Amino acid sequence: MIVSDVACQCGAAYWRAEASSLKGHCGQFHCACCGALVESWDQPKARVYRLVISTERLYQHPKPPPSPLTGYAQARADAA
């Protein structure tokens, strides 16, 4: 069995397990979050996918705080 990571263009992450001893079928895999085509294959292989992290659970980068110098310049402008 081969286990690997697969990612969709929307950011969702999956684990893919591919069995080497089982016969499967040709097919396609679509993202459970956005519906986009993630993979398609022509070989008759048995594959299963597991959603590891969905787009709604992705880490949101916080905005950096304003520079202290910006506040100082604004305070000087207001005082003048």
Protein backbone atom coordinates (compact mmCIF):
# COMPACT_ATOMS: atom_id res chain seq x y z
CA MET A 1 0.00 0.00 0.00
CA ILE A 2 1.26 3.45 -0.91
CA VAL A 3 0.12 6.40 1.21
CA SER A 4 0.71 9.96 0.02
CA ASP A 5 -0.55 13.52 0.47
CA VAL A 6 -2.76 15.22 -2.10
CA ALA A 7 -3.91 18.84 -2.07
CA CYS A 8 -6.70 20.63 -3.91
CA GLN A 9 -6.32 24.07 -5.43
CA CYS A 10 -8.70 25.45 -2.77
CA GLY A 11 -6.30 24.39 0.00
CA ALA A 12 -8.03 21.24 1.24
CA ALA A 13 -5.57 18.45 2.09
CA TYR A 14 -6.14 14.71 1.66
CA TRP A 15 -4.36 11.45 2.36
CA ARG A 16 -4.45 9.01 -0.54
CA ALA A 17 -3.99 5.28 -0.03
CA GLU A 18 -3.37 3.18 -3.12
CA ALA A 19 -3.48 -0.60 -2.88
CA SER A 20 -1.00 -2.46 -5.06
CA SER A 21 -2.57 -5.88 -4.54
CA LEU A 22 -6.24 -4.97 -5.15
CA LYS A 23 -7.72 -4.28 -8.55
CA GLY A 24 -9.79 -1.15 -8.77
CA HIS A 25 -11.11 0.88 -11.64
CA CYS A 26 -10.27 3.98 -13.64
CA GLY A 27 -11.76 7.09 -12.18
CA GLN A 28 -11.63 10.63 -10.87
CA PHE A 29 -11.54 12.22 -7.46
CA HIS A 30 -13.31 15.52 -6.80
CA CYS A 31 -12.72 17.77 -3.79
CA ALA A 32 -15.33 17.46 -1.05
CA CYS A 33 -14.99 21.18 -0.21
CA CYS A 34 -15.16 22.91 -3.60
CA GLY A 35 -15.99 20.15 -6.10
CA ALA A 36 -12.90 20.71 -8.27
CA LEU A 37 -11.19 17.79 -9.98
CA VAL A 38 -8.18 16.81 -7.86
CA GLU A 39 -6.98 13.68 -9.66
CA SER A 40 -7.93 11.33 -12.45
CA TRP A 41 -6.30 8.01 -13.31
CA ASP A 42 -6.43 5.54 -16.18
CA GLN A 43 -4.91 2.53 -14.42
CA PRO A 44 -7.25 0.08 -12.68
CA LYS A 45 -6.03 0.77 -9.14
CA ALA A 46 -7.92 0.77 -5.85
CA ARG A 47 -7.62 4.24 -4.28
CA VAL A 48 -9.23 5.80 -1.23
CA TYR A 49 -9.03 9.40 -0.05
CA ARG A 50 -9.38 10.86 3.42
CA LEU A 51 -9.94 14.56 4.09
CA VAL A 52 -7.25 15.73 6.52
CA ILE A 53 -8.03 19.44 6.67
CA SER A 54 -10.84 21.36 5.02
CA THR A 55 -10.66 24.94 3.81
CA GLU A 56 -12.77 26.18 6.71
CA ARG A 57 -10.19 24.81 9.16
CA LEU A 58 -7.12 26.30 7.50
CA TYR A 59 -4.98 28.63 9.56
CA GLN A 60 -5.93 32.25 8.97
CA HIS A 61 -2.92 34.54 9.04
CA PRO A 62 -3.56 37.44 11.43
CA LYS A 63 -2.97 40.99 10.29
CA PRO A 64 0.16 42.54 11.77
CA PRO A 65 -0.38 45.34 14.29
CA PRO A 66 0.17 48.90 13.12
CA SER A 67 3.65 50.30 13.40
CA PRO A 68 4.30 52.40 16.51
CA LEU A 69 5.91 54.99 14.26
CA THR A 70 2.67 55.41 12.32
CA GLY A 71 0.82 56.25 15.54
CA TYR A 72 3.59 58.68 16.54
CA ALA A 73 3.44 60.47 13.18
CA GLN A 74 -0.34 60.71 13.40
CA ALA A 75 -0.17 62.11 16.95
CA ARG A 76 2.36 64.75 15.85
CA ALA A 77 0.16 65.72 12.91
CA ASP A 78 -2.87 66.06 15.19
CA ALA A 79 -0.88 68.20 17.67
CA ALA A 80 0.31 70.61 14.98
